Amino acid sequence: MLEISSFCGGFCSTNGYLVRNPGNGQEILVDAPLGILDWMKETGVRPGALLLTHQHFDHVEEVAMIVQEFGVKVYGWSPVSEQLTLEKWAVEAGAIERIETFSIDCLLEEMEEGELLKVAELSFELLHVPGHSPDSVCFYLSDSELVFVGDVLMSGGYGRTDLPHGNASELFQGIREKMWTLPEGTHVLSGHGPPTTIEVEKANGLIPV
């Protein structure tokens, strides 16, 4: 059974997750909010890969530092761009001072449809769900009945669509087609807030049919 630890930090109280495969001891980080590097140093973990659910500033603040510290490969849907990080918008809003330059080593948009992402002997199904951000991608582990969704879906709600490049209809369509079709018992680990399940979020009726 996978071991999941979570960290919450930064201006937006953003979640980052550490996934440990007990079968081989390998660890994967999902997203990199402010403060997560110190947390990892304190706990003594050494991730071998970093998966990005999307590039909004609060999810990538410490990517460059983590790469420098651990030499990890970074996986993301699209190449890095200010359009995706919203760095200029975030600086003007007073949320951050800057984002240290980083790059994506493995572009997930280039994978074949249906191809599984294999990292640390785990096989992730990729679910591209734009609308909150054009590059939003969810990482689904069917064997473990869990999905890392970033800001696509969260407990009692869904990601903002009023930020630059947001699109509500696109997000709702993606949720209906790719989230609601997952088993209802699937555990949802979001970029903000507590864990939830597909069953609970379908039942709350917030997503237009």
N, C-alpha and C. Protein backbone atom coordinates (compact mmCIF):
# COMPACT_ATOMS: atom_id res chain seq x y z
N MET A 1 0.85 -1.20 0.00
CA MET A 1 0.00 0.00 0.00
C MET A 1 0.89 1.24 0.00
N LEU A 2 0.57 2.19 -0.86
CA LEU A 2 1.37 3.40 -0.95
C LEU A 2 1.29 4.22 0.33
N GLU A 3 2.38 4.91 0.62
CA GLU A 3 2.44 5.81 1.77
C GLU A 3 2.39 7.24 1.24
N ILE A 4 1.37 7.99 1.66
CA ILE A 4 1.18 9.35 1.17
C ILE A 4 1.34 10.33 2.34
N SER A 5 2.24 11.30 2.17
CA SER A 5 2.38 12.39 3.14
C SER A 5 2.05 13.69 2.42
N SER A 6 1.50 14.64 3.16
CA SER A 6 1.13 15.91 2.54
C SER A 6 1.76 17.08 3.28
N PHE A 7 1.96 18.16 2.53
CA PHE A 7 2.50 19.41 3.07
C PHE A 7 1.65 20.54 2.51
N CYS A 8 1.42 21.55 3.32
CA CYS A 8 0.64 22.71 2.88
C CYS A 8 1.45 23.98 3.17
N GLY A 9 1.63 24.83 2.16
CA GLY A 9 2.40 26.04 2.40
C GLY A 9 2.18 27.09 1.33
N GLY A 10 2.77 28.26 1.55
CA GLY A 10 2.71 29.34 0.59
C GLY A 10 1.51 30.26 0.76
N PHE A 11 1.48 31.31 -0.05
CA PHE A 11 0.46 32.35 0.00
C PHE A 11 -0.95 31.77 -0.14
N CYS A 12 -1.08 30.74 -0.97
CA CYS A 12 -2.40 30.17 -1.27
C CYS A 12 -2.70 28.90 -0.49
N SER A 13 -1.90 28.59 0.52
CA SER A 13 -2.08 27.34 1.29
C SER A 13 -2.23 26.15 0.33
N THR A 14 -1.17 25.92 -0.41
CA THR A 14 -1.17 24.91 -1.48
C THR A 14 -0.61 23.59 -0.98
N ASN A 15 -1.25 22.51 -1.38
CA ASN A 15 -0.81 21.17 -0.98
C ASN A 15 0.25 20.62 -1.92
N GLY A 16 1.26 19.98 -1.33
CA GLY A 16 2.19 19.15 -2.07
C GLY A 16 2.16 17.77 -1.45
N TYR A 17 2.41 16.74 -2.24
CA TYR A 17 2.29 15.37 -1.75
C TYR A 17 3.57 14.59 -2.02
N LEU A 18 3.94 13.78 -1.04
CA LEU A 18 5.05 12.86 -1.21
C LEU A 18 4.48 11.45 -1.26
N VAL A 19 4.79 10.73 -2.32
CA VAL A 19 4.29 9.37 -2.53
C VAL A 19 5.47 8.41 -2.39
N ARG A 20 5.35 7.48 -1.46
CA ARG A 20 6.41 6.50 -1.27
C ARG A 20 5.90 5.12 -1.65
N ASN A 21 6.63 4.45 -2.53
CA ASN A 21 6.31 3.08 -2.91
C ASN A 21 7.06 2.15 -1.97
N PRO A 22 6.39 1.54 -1.02
CA PRO A 22 7.08 0.70 -0.03
C PRO A 22 7.73 -0.54 -0.65
N GLY A 23 7.29 -0.88 -1.85
CA GLY A 23 7.86 -2.06 -2.50
C GLY A 23 9.32 -1.87 -2.88
N ASN A 24 9.70 -0.61 -3.17
CA ASN A 24 11.09 -0.35 -3.57
C ASN A 24 11.70 0.85 -2.85
N GLY A 25 10.92 1.50 -1.99
CA GLY A 25 11.43 2.64 -1.23
C GLY A 25 11.56 3.92 -2.03
N GLN A 26 11.14 3.92 -3.29
CA GLN A 26 11.26 5.12 -4.11
C GLN A 26 10.16 6.12 -3.78
N GLU A 27 10.50 7.39 -3.92
CA GLU A 27 9.57 8.46 -3.56
C GLU A 27 9.37 9.44 -4.71
N ILE A 28 8.15 9.93 -4.83
CA ILE A 28 7.77 10.88 -5.86
C ILE A 28 7.11 12.07 -5.19
N LEU A 29 7.43 13.27 -5.67
CA LEU A 29 6.80 14.48 -5.18
C LEU A 29 5.77 14.96 -6.19
N VAL A 30 4.61 15.38 -5.69
CA VAL A 30 3.58 15.97 -6.55
C VAL A 30 3.40 17.43 -6.14
N ASP A 31 3.83 18.33 -7.02
CA ASP A 31 3.77 19.78 -6.84
C ASP A 31 4.80 20.27 -5.80
N ALA A 32 5.10 21.57 -5.91
CA ALA A 32 6.21 22.12 -5.12
C ALA A 32 5.88 23.48 -4.53
N PRO A 33 4.95 23.55 -3.58
CA PRO A 33 4.62 24.84 -2.96
C PRO A 33 5.75 25.34 -2.07
N LEU A 34 5.67 26.61 -1.72
CA LEU A 34 6.67 27.25 -0.88
C LEU A 34 6.80 26.52 0.46
N GLY A 35 8.04 26.19 0.85
CA GLY A 35 8.30 25.56 2.14
C GLY A 35 8.46 24.06 2.09
N ILE A 36 8.14 23.44 0.96
CA ILE A 36 8.14 21.98 0.93
C ILE A 36 9.56 21.41 0.94
N LEU A 37 10.54 22.15 0.45
CA LEU A 37 11.91 21.64 0.47
C LEU A 37 12.42 21.50 1.90
N ASP A 38 12.20 22.51 2.74
CA ASP A 38 12.62 22.40 4.14
C ASP A 38 11.91 21.25 4.83
N TRP A 39 10.65 21.06 4.51
CA TRP A 39 9.88 19.95 5.09
C TRP A 39 10.50 18.61 4.71
N MET A 40 10.90 18.47 3.45
CA MET A 40 11.52 17.22 3.01
C MET A 40 12.87 17.01 3.68
N LYS A 41 13.64 18.08 3.85
CA LYS A 41 14.93 17.96 4.51
C LYS A 41 14.75 17.50 5.95
N GLU A 42 13.75 18.03 6.62
CA GLU A 42 13.49 17.66 8.01
C GLU A 42 13.09 16.21 8.15
N THR A 43 12.35 15.71 7.15
CA THR A 43 11.88 14.32 7.22
C THR A 43 12.86 13.34 6.59
N GLY A 44 13.90 13.87 5.93
CA GLY A 44 14.96 13.01 5.39
C GLY A 44 14.61 12.28 4.11
N VAL A 45 13.59 12.73 3.39
CA VAL A 45 13.20 12.04 2.16
C VAL A 45 14.01 12.57 0.99
N ARG A 46 14.12 11.74 -0.06
CA ARG A 46 14.84 12.13 -1.28
C ARG A 46 14.03 11.67 -2.49
N PRO A 47 13.14 12.52 -2.98
CA PRO A 47 12.31 12.12 -4.11
C PRO A 47 13.14 11.93 -5.38
N GLY A 48 12.68 11.03 -6.21
CA GLY A 48 13.37 10.76 -7.47
C GLY A 48 12.71 11.41 -8.66
N ALA A 49 11.54 12.00 -8.45
CA ALA A 49 10.82 12.65 -9.55
C ALA A 49 9.85 13.66 -8.98
N LEU A 50 9.51 14.67 -9.79
CA LEU A 50 8.55 15.69 -9.40
C LEU A 50 7.49 15.79 -10.48
N LEU A 51 6.25 15.51 -10.11
CA LEU A 51 5.11 15.61 -11.03
C LEU A 51 4.38 16.92 -10.76
N LEU A 52 4.12 17.69 -11.82
CA LEU A 52 3.39 18.94 -11.68
C LEU A 52 1.98 18.80 -12.22
N THR A 53 1.00 19.10 -11.37
CA THR A 53 -0.40 19.05 -11.83
C THR A 53 -0.71 20.21 -12.76
N HIS A 54 -0.04 21.33 -12.56
CA HIS A 54 -0.10 22.48 -13.47
C HIS A 54 0.96 23.47 -12.99
N GLN A 55 1.15 24.53 -13.76
CA GLN A 55 2.26 25.44 -13.48
C GLN A 55 1.89 26.73 -12.76
N HIS A 56 0.68 26.86 -12.25
CA HIS A 56 0.37 28.08 -11.52
C HIS A 56 1.41 28.32 -10.43
N PHE A 57 1.73 29.58 -10.20
CA PHE A 57 2.87 29.98 -9.36
C PHE A 57 2.91 29.28 -8.01
N ASP A 58 1.78 29.07 -7.39
CA ASP A 58 1.78 28.51 -6.03
C ASP A 58 2.11 27.01 -6.02
N HIS A 59 2.09 26.38 -7.17
CA HIS A 59 2.41 24.95 -7.25
C HIS A 59 3.85 24.70 -7.69
N VAL A 60 4.55 25.76 -8.12
CA VAL A 60 5.90 25.57 -8.68
C VAL A 60 6.96 26.44 -8.01
N GLU A 61 6.64 27.09 -6.90
CA GLU A 61 7.58 28.05 -6.31
C GLU A 61 8.94 27.44 -5.98
N GLU A 62 8.97 26.17 -5.62
CA GLU A 62 10.24 25.59 -5.20
C GLU A 62 10.76 24.51 -6.16
N VAL A 63 10.25 24.49 -7.38
CA VAL A 63 10.72 23.50 -8.35
C VAL A 63 12.23 23.62 -8.56
N ALA A 64 12.71 24.83 -8.84
CA ALA A 64 14.14 25.02 -9.13
C ALA A 64 15.00 24.58 -7.95
N MET A 65 14.58 24.90 -6.75
CA MET A 65 15.35 24.53 -5.55
C MET A 65 15.37 23.02 -5.36
N ILE A 66 14.26 22.38 -5.64
CA ILE A 66 14.17 20.92 -5.47
C ILE A 66 15.05 20.21 -6.50
N VAL A 67 15.04 20.73 -7.74
CA VAL A 67 15.89 20.15 -8.78
C VAL A 67 17.36 20.30 -8.38
N GLN A 68 17.72 21.47 -7.87
CA GLN A 68 19.10 21.69 -7.46
C GLN A 68 19.50 20.78 -6.30
N GLU A 69 18.59 20.57 -5.38
CA GLU A 69 18.89 19.77 -4.19
C GLU A 69 18.94 18.28 -4.49
N PHE A 70 18.01 17.78 -5.29
CA PHE A 70 17.87 16.34 -5.48
C PHE A 70 18.17 15.85 -6.89
N GLY A 71 18.28 16.77 -7.84
CA GLY A 71 18.53 16.35 -9.21
C GLY A 71 17.39 15.58 -9.84
N VAL A 72 16.16 15.87 -9.43
CA VAL A 72 15.00 15.13 -9.91
C VAL A 72 14.64 15.52 -11.33
N LYS A 73 13.95 14.62 -12.03
CA LYS A 73 13.32 14.95 -13.30
C LYS A 73 11.95 15.56 -13.02
N VAL A 74 11.61 16.58 -13.80
CA VAL A 74 10.34 17.27 -13.63
C VAL A 74 9.40 16.87 -14.77
N TYR A 75 8.20 16.44 -14.40
CA TYR A 75 7.18 16.01 -15.36
C TYR A 75 6.04 17.03 -15.35
N GLY A 76 5.66 17.52 -16.52
CA GLY A 76 4.55 18.45 -16.62
C GLY A 76 3.92 18.36 -17.99
N TRP A 77 2.72 18.90 -18.12
CA TRP A 77 1.99 18.75 -19.38
C TRP A 77 2.60 19.57 -20.51
N SER A 78 2.99 20.81 -20.22
CA SER A 78 3.44 21.74 -21.26
C SER A 78 4.78 22.37 -20.90
N PRO A 79 5.47 22.95 -21.87
CA PRO A 79 6.69 23.70 -21.56
C PRO A 79 6.39 24.86 -20.63
N VAL A 80 7.39 25.26 -19.86
CA VAL A 80 7.21 26.36 -18.92
C VAL A 80 6.96 27.67 -19.67
N SER A 81 5.99 28.45 -19.19
CA SER A 81 5.73 29.76 -19.78
C SER A 81 5.06 30.65 -18.73
N GLU A 82 5.23 31.96 -18.88
CA GLU A 82 4.59 32.89 -17.95
C GLU A 82 3.08 32.82 -18.09
N GLN A 83 2.61 32.45 -19.28
CA GLN A 83 1.17 32.26 -19.49
C GLN A 83 0.62 31.22 -18.52
N LEU A 84 1.42 30.21 -18.23
CA LEU A 84 0.97 29.13 -17.36
C LEU A 84 1.30 29.38 -15.88
N THR A 85 2.46 29.96 -15.60
CA THR A 85 2.82 30.20 -14.19
C THR A 85 2.06 31.39 -13.61
N LEU A 86 1.60 32.30 -14.45
CA LEU A 86 0.94 33.54 -14.02
C LEU A 86 1.87 34.38 -13.14
N GLU A 87 3.19 34.29 -13.41
CA GLU A 87 4.16 34.98 -12.54
C GLU A 87 3.90 36.49 -12.47
N LYS A 88 3.72 37.13 -13.63
CA LYS A 88 3.51 38.58 -13.63
C LYS A 88 2.26 38.94 -12.85
N TRP A 89 1.19 38.20 -13.05
CA TRP A 89 -0.07 38.45 -12.33
C TRP A 89 0.14 38.28 -10.83
N ALA A 90 0.86 37.21 -10.42
CA ALA A 90 1.07 36.92 -9.00
C ALA A 90 1.95 37.97 -8.34
N VAL A 91 2.98 38.45 -9.05
CA VAL A 91 3.85 39.49 -8.50
C VAL A 91 3.05 40.77 -8.28
N GLU A 92 2.26 41.15 -9.28
CA GLU A 92 1.45 42.38 -9.16
C GLU A 92 0.41 42.26 -8.05
N ALA A 93 -0.05 41.05 -7.79
CA ALA A 93 -1.03 40.82 -6.73
C ALA A 93 -0.39 40.73 -5.35
N GLY A 94 0.95 40.71 -5.30
CA GLY A 94 1.66 40.63 -4.03
C GLY A 94 1.72 39.23 -3.46
N ALA A 95 1.43 38.23 -4.29
CA ALA A 95 1.43 36.84 -3.80
C ALA A 95 2.84 36.27 -3.72
N ILE A 96 3.73 36.68 -4.63
CA ILE A 96 5.09 36.19 -4.67
C ILE A 96 6.03 37.33 -5.10
N GLU A 97 7.33 37.12 -4.93
CA GLU A 97 8.31 38.08 -5.43
C GLU A 97 8.79 37.68 -6.82
N ARG A 98 9.01 36.39 -7.02
CA ARG A 98 9.45 35.88 -8.32
C ARG A 98 9.42 34.36 -8.28
N ILE A 99 9.55 33.73 -9.44
CA ILE A 99 9.69 32.28 -9.54
C ILE A 99 11.06 32.00 -10.15
N GLU A 100 11.84 31.21 -9.46
CA GLU A 100 13.14 30.84 -10.00
C GLU A 100 12.94 30.00 -11.26
N THR A 101 13.78 30.27 -12.26
CA THR A 101 13.66 29.60 -13.55
C THR A 101 13.81 28.09 -13.42
N PHE A 102 12.92 27.36 -14.07
CA PHE A 102 13.00 25.90 -14.12
C PHE A 102 12.53 25.44 -15.49
N SER A 103 12.67 24.17 -15.75
CA SER A 103 12.21 23.63 -17.02
C SER A 103 11.54 22.29 -16.80
N ILE A 104 10.77 21.87 -17.78
CA ILE A 104 10.12 20.56 -17.75
C ILE A 104 11.00 19.57 -18.51
N ASP A 105 11.38 18.48 -17.84
CA ASP A 105 12.21 17.46 -18.49
C ASP A 105 11.40 16.51 -19.34
N CYS A 106 10.19 16.18 -18.89
CA CYS A 106 9.34 15.21 -19.59
C CYS A 106 7.99 15.85 -19.88
N LEU A 107 7.75 16.15 -21.16
CA LEU A 107 6.50 16.79 -21.55
C LEU A 107 5.41 15.73 -21.73
N LEU A 108 4.42 15.77 -20.89
CA LEU A 108 3.38 14.74 -20.89
C LEU A 108 2.44 14.88 -22.09
N GLU A 109 2.31 16.09 -22.64
CA GLU A 109 1.44 16.28 -23.80
C GLU A 109 1.95 15.52 -25.01
N GLU A 110 3.22 15.11 -24.99
CA GLU A 110 3.80 14.38 -26.10
C GLU A 110 3.57 12.87 -26.02
N MET A 111 3.03 12.41 -24.90
CA MET A 111 2.77 10.98 -24.76
C MET A 111 1.57 10.57 -25.61
N GLU A 112 1.56 9.31 -26.02
CA GLU A 112 0.44 8.79 -26.79
C GLU A 112 -0.81 8.71 -25.92
N GLU A 113 -1.96 8.94 -26.53
CA GLU A 113 -3.22 8.84 -25.79
C GLU A 113 -3.36 7.44 -25.20
N GLY A 114 -3.64 7.36 -23.92
CA GLY A 114 -3.78 6.07 -23.25
C GLY A 114 -2.47 5.51 -22.72
N GLU A 115 -1.35 6.13 -23.07
CA GLU A 115 -0.05 5.65 -22.59
C GLU A 115 0.08 5.97 -21.10
N LEU A 116 0.59 5.02 -20.33
CA LEU A 116 0.76 5.21 -18.90
C LEU A 116 2.12 5.84 -18.60
N LEU A 117 2.13 6.74 -17.63
CA LEU A 117 3.38 7.32 -17.16
C LEU A 117 3.93 6.41 -16.06
N LYS A 118 5.10 5.85 -16.29
CA LYS A 118 5.69 4.91 -15.34
C LYS A 118 6.86 5.57 -14.62
N VAL A 119 6.66 5.78 -13.31
CA VAL A 119 7.67 6.42 -12.46
C VAL A 119 7.72 5.66 -11.14
N ALA A 120 8.93 5.32 -10.69
CA ALA A 120 9.12 4.61 -9.42
C ALA A 120 8.33 3.31 -9.39
N GLU A 121 8.24 2.65 -10.54
CA GLU A 121 7.50 1.39 -10.69
C GLU A 121 6.01 1.55 -10.40
N LEU A 122 5.51 2.77 -10.56
CA LEU A 122 4.09 3.05 -10.48
C LEU A 122 3.61 3.47 -11.87
N SER A 123 2.37 3.15 -12.19
CA SER A 123 1.82 3.47 -13.51
C SER A 123 0.66 4.45 -13.35
N PHE A 124 0.89 5.69 -13.79
CA PHE A 124 -0.12 6.74 -13.67
C PHE A 124 -0.87 6.90 -14.99
N GLU A 125 -2.19 6.91 -14.92
CA GLU A 125 -2.99 7.30 -16.07
C GLU A 125 -3.11 8.81 -16.06
N LEU A 126 -2.88 9.45 -17.20
CA LEU A 126 -2.91 10.90 -17.30
C LEU A 126 -4.27 11.37 -17.77
N LEU A 127 -4.85 12.32 -17.04
CA LEU A 127 -6.15 12.87 -17.38
C LEU A 127 -6.00 14.38 -17.54
N HIS A 128 -5.95 14.83 -18.79
CA HIS A 128 -5.78 16.26 -19.07
C HIS A 128 -7.13 16.95 -18.95
N VAL A 129 -7.23 17.87 -17.98
CA VAL A 129 -8.50 18.55 -17.72
C VAL A 129 -8.24 20.06 -17.65
N PRO A 130 -8.18 20.74 -18.79
CA PRO A 130 -8.00 22.20 -18.78
C PRO A 130 -9.25 22.91 -18.30
N GLY A 131 -9.11 24.21 -18.08
CA GLY A 131 -10.24 25.01 -17.62
C GLY A 131 -9.86 25.86 -16.44
N HIS A 132 -9.17 25.26 -15.45
CA HIS A 132 -8.55 26.04 -14.39
C HIS A 132 -7.25 26.61 -14.92
N SER A 133 -6.47 25.75 -15.58
CA SER A 133 -5.26 26.15 -16.28
C SER A 133 -5.17 25.30 -17.54
N PRO A 134 -4.64 25.83 -18.64
CA PRO A 134 -4.58 25.03 -19.87
C PRO A 134 -3.79 23.74 -19.75
N ASP A 135 -2.86 23.69 -18.78
CA ASP A 135 -1.98 22.52 -18.67
C ASP A 135 -2.35 21.60 -17.52
N SER A 136 -3.53 21.78 -16.93
CA SER A 136 -3.91 20.95 -15.78
C SER A 136 -4.00 19.48 -16.16
N VAL A 137 -3.29 18.65 -15.40
CA VAL A 137 -3.31 17.21 -15.65
C VAL A 137 -3.45 16.49 -14.31
N CYS A 138 -4.28 15.47 -14.29
CA CYS A 138 -4.50 14.66 -13.10
C CYS A 138 -3.75 13.35 -13.25
N PHE A 139 -3.20 12.86 -12.14
CA PHE A 139 -2.42 11.62 -12.13
C PHE A 139 -3.23 10.55 -11.37
N TYR A 140 -3.73 9.57 -12.11
CA TYR A 140 -4.63 8.56 -11.56
C TYR A 140 -3.92 7.23 -11.40
N LEU A 141 -4.00 6.68 -10.19
CA LEU A 141 -3.45 5.35 -9.89
C LEU A 141 -4.63 4.42 -9.60
N SER A 142 -5.01 3.65 -10.61
CA SER A 142 -6.20 2.81 -10.48
C SER A 142 -6.03 1.74 -9.42
N ASP A 143 -4.83 1.14 -9.32
CA ASP A 143 -4.61 0.07 -8.34
C ASP A 143 -4.76 0.57 -6.91
N SER A 144 -4.43 1.83 -6.69
CA SER A 144 -4.51 2.40 -5.34
C SER A 144 -5.78 3.21 -5.13
N GLU A 145 -6.60 3.33 -6.17
CA GLU A 145 -7.86 4.07 -6.09
C GLU A 145 -7.66 5.49 -5.59
N LEU A 146 -6.70 6.18 -6.18
CA LEU A 146 -6.49 7.58 -5.82
C LEU A 146 -6.06 8.38 -7.04
N VAL A 147 -6.34 9.68 -6.98
CA VAL A 147 -6.00 10.57 -8.09
C VAL A 147 -5.54 11.91 -7.53
N PHE A 148 -4.40 12.38 -8.04
CA PHE A 148 -3.89 13.71 -7.70
C PHE A 148 -4.43 14.67 -8.75
N VAL A 149 -5.22 15.65 -8.32
CA VAL A 149 -5.98 16.45 -9.28
C VAL A 149 -5.55 17.91 -9.36
N GLY A 150 -4.58 18.32 -8.55
CA GLY A 150 -4.23 19.74 -8.55
C GLY A 150 -5.45 20.56 -8.20
N ASP A 151 -5.76 21.57 -9.03
CA ASP A 151 -6.90 22.44 -8.74
C ASP A 151 -8.11 22.17 -9.63
N VAL A 152 -8.14 21.01 -10.25
CA VAL A 152 -9.29 20.65 -11.07
C VAL A 152 -10.52 20.47 -10.19
N LEU A 153 -10.35 19.78 -9.08
CA LEU A 153 -11.46 19.41 -8.21
C LEU A 153 -10.97 19.48 -6.78
N MET A 154 -11.84 19.84 -5.86
CA MET A 154 -11.45 19.86 -4.45
C MET A 154 -12.68 19.63 -3.59
N SER A 155 -12.44 19.47 -2.30
CA SER A 155 -13.54 19.18 -1.39
C SER A 155 -14.56 20.32 -1.40
N GLY A 156 -15.76 20.01 -1.87
CA GLY A 156 -16.83 21.01 -1.90
C GLY A 156 -16.70 22.03 -3.01
N GLY A 157 -15.90 21.74 -4.03
CA GLY A 157 -15.77 22.74 -5.09
C GLY A 157 -14.86 22.30 -6.21
N TYR A 158 -14.39 23.28 -6.96
CA TYR A 158 -13.53 23.04 -8.12
C TYR A 158 -12.62 24.26 -8.29
N GLY A 159 -11.65 24.16 -9.16
CA GLY A 159 -10.67 25.22 -9.34
C GLY A 159 -11.27 26.50 -9.91
N ARG A 160 -10.64 27.61 -9.57
CA ARG A 160 -11.08 28.91 -10.08
C ARG A 160 -10.98 28.95 -11.60
N THR A 161 -11.92 29.65 -12.20
CA THR A 161 -11.88 29.83 -13.66
C THR A 161 -11.83 31.31 -14.03
N ASP A 162 -11.67 32.18 -13.01
CA ASP A 162 -11.63 33.62 -13.26
C ASP A 162 -10.20 34.14 -13.38
N LEU A 163 -9.21 33.25 -13.24
CA LEU A 163 -7.82 33.64 -13.44
C LEU A 163 -7.53 33.71 -14.95
N PRO A 164 -6.41 34.35 -15.34
CA PRO A 164 -6.07 34.38 -16.77
C PRO A 164 -6.05 32.98 -17.38
N HIS A 165 -6.65 32.84 -18.54
CA HIS A 165 -6.69 31.60 -19.32
C HIS A 165 -7.62 30.55 -18.71
N GLY A 166 -8.47 30.95 -17.75
CA GLY A 166 -9.46 30.04 -17.20
C GLY A 166 -10.66 29.92 -18.12
N ASN A 167 -11.39 28.80 -18.01
CA ASN A 167 -12.55 28.57 -18.86
C ASN A 167 -13.49 27.60 -18.14
N ALA A 168 -14.59 28.12 -17.63
CA ALA A 168 -15.48 27.32 -16.80
C ALA A 168 -16.11 26.16 -17.56
N SER A 169 -16.61 26.42 -18.77
CA SER A 169 -17.28 25.35 -19.51
C SER A 169 -16.31 24.22 -19.84
N GLU A 170 -15.07 24.59 -20.14
CA GLU A 170 -14.05 23.59 -20.44
C GLU A 170 -13.75 22.75 -19.20
N LEU A 171 -13.65 23.40 -18.04
CA LEU A 171 -13.38 22.68 -16.80
C LEU A 171 -14.52 21.73 -16.46
N PHE A 172 -15.75 22.22 -16.55
CA PHE A 172 -16.91 21.38 -16.21
C PHE A 172 -17.00 20.17 -17.14
N GLN A 173 -16.76 20.39 -18.42
CA GLN A 173 -16.79 19.29 -19.36
C GLN A 173 -15.73 18.25 -19.02
N GLY A 174 -14.52 18.71 -18.70
CA GLY A 174 -13.45 17.79 -18.35
C GLY A 174 -13.75 17.00 -17.09
N ILE A 175 -14.34 17.66 -16.11
CA ILE A 175 -14.70 16.96 -14.87
C ILE A 175 -15.75 15.89 -15.15
N ARG A 176 -16.77 16.25 -15.93
CA ARG A 176 -17.82 15.27 -16.24
C ARG A 176 -17.25 14.07 -17.00
N GLU A 177 -16.36 14.34 -17.95
CA GLU A 177 -15.88 13.27 -18.82
C GLU A 177 -14.74 12.45 -18.21
N LYS A 178 -13.94 13.06 -17.35
CA LYS A 178 -12.74 12.37 -16.87
C LYS A 178 -12.69 12.13 -15.37
N MET A 179 -13.41 12.93 -14.59
CA MET A 179 -13.46 12.70 -13.15
C MET A 179 -14.65 11.83 -12.77
N TRP A 180 -15.83 12.20 -13.28
CA TRP A 180 -17.04 11.46 -12.88
C TRP A 180 -17.05 10.03 -13.42
N THR A 181 -16.21 9.72 -14.37
CA THR A 181 -16.15 8.36 -14.90
C THR A 181 -15.21 7.46 -14.10
N LEU A 182 -14.49 8.02 -13.12
CA LEU A 182 -13.65 7.21 -12.24
C LEU A 182 -14.53 6.48 -11.23
N PRO A 183 -14.06 5.38 -10.66
CA PRO A 183 -14.84 4.70 -9.62
C PRO A 183 -15.19 5.66 -8.48
N GLU A 184 -16.39 5.56 -7.97
CA GLU A 184 -16.86 6.53 -6.98
C GLU A 184 -16.04 6.49 -5.69
N GLY A 185 -15.41 5.36 -5.39
CA GLY A 185 -14.60 5.26 -4.18
C GLY A 185 -13.21 5.86 -4.32
N THR A 186 -12.89 6.38 -5.50
CA THR A 186 -11.55 6.94 -5.74
C THR A 186 -11.28 8.10 -4.80
N HIS A 187 -10.13 8.07 -4.12
CA HIS A 187 -9.71 9.14 -3.23
C HIS A 187 -9.12 10.28 -4.06
N VAL A 188 -9.57 11.49 -3.79
CA VAL A 188 -9.15 12.68 -4.52
C VAL A 188 -8.23 13.52 -3.66
N LEU A 189 -6.98 13.69 -4.11
CA LEU A 189 -6.01 14.51 -3.39
C LEU A 189 -5.82 15.79 -4.18
N SER A 190 -6.25 16.90 -3.60
CA SER A 190 -6.36 18.17 -4.30
C SER A 190 -5.21 19.11 -3.95
N GLY A 191 -5.10 20.16 -4.77
CA GLY A 191 -4.08 21.17 -4.53
C GLY A 191 -4.38 22.09 -3.37
N HIS A 192 -5.63 22.09 -2.91
CA HIS A 192 -6.03 22.92 -1.77
C HIS A 192 -7.11 22.18 -0.99
N GLY A 193 -7.05 22.25 0.32
CA GLY A 193 -8.08 21.65 1.14
C GLY A 193 -7.84 20.19 1.44
N PRO A 194 -8.80 19.57 2.16
CA PRO A 194 -8.65 18.18 2.59
C PRO A 194 -8.97 17.18 1.48
N PRO A 195 -8.61 15.92 1.68
CA PRO A 195 -8.97 14.88 0.71
C PRO A 195 -10.47 14.71 0.62
N THR A 196 -10.92 14.15 -0.49
CA THR A 196 -12.33 13.85 -0.67
C THR A 196 -12.43 12.61 -1.54
N THR A 197 -13.62 12.29 -2.03
CA THR A 197 -13.79 11.16 -2.94
C THR A 197 -14.65 11.60 -4.13
N ILE A 198 -14.57 10.83 -5.20
CA ILE A 198 -15.40 11.11 -6.37
C ILE A 198 -16.87 11.04 -6.00
N GLU A 199 -17.24 10.06 -5.21
CA GLU A 199 -18.65 9.90 -4.81
C GLU A 199 -19.18 11.13 -4.11
N VAL A 200 -18.41 11.66 -3.15
CA VAL A 200 -18.85 12.82 -2.39
C VAL A 200 -19.00 14.03 -3.30
N GLU A 201 -18.05 14.26 -4.19
CA GLU A 201 -18.09 15.45 -5.02
C GLU A 201 -19.15 15.37 -6.11
N LYS A 202 -19.41 14.17 -6.62
CA LYS A 202 -20.51 14.01 -7.56
C LYS A 202 -21.85 14.32 -6.88
N ALA A 203 -21.95 13.90 -5.62
CA ALA A 203 -23.21 14.05 -4.90
C ALA A 203 -23.50 15.51 -4.54
N ASN A 204 -22.46 16.36 -4.44
CA ASN A 204 -22.72 17.73 -4.00
C ASN A 204 -23.38 18.59 -5.09
N GLY A 205 -23.37 18.12 -6.33
CA GLY A 205 -24.13 18.76 -7.39
C GLY A 205 -23.64 20.12 -7.84
N LEU A 206 -22.36 20.44 -7.59
CA LEU A 206 -21.84 21.75 -7.96
C LEU A 206 -21.50 21.87 -9.44
N ILE A 207 -21.24 20.73 -10.09
CA ILE A 207 -20.86 20.76 -11.50
C ILE A 207 -22.12 20.64 -12.35
N PRO A 208 -22.39 21.61 -13.24
CA PRO A 208 -23.61 21.53 -14.07
C PRO A 208 -23.63 20.25 -14.91
N VAL A 209 -24.79 19.64 -15.01
CA VAL A 209 -24.92 18.41 -15.80
C VAL A 209 -24.80 18.73 -17.28
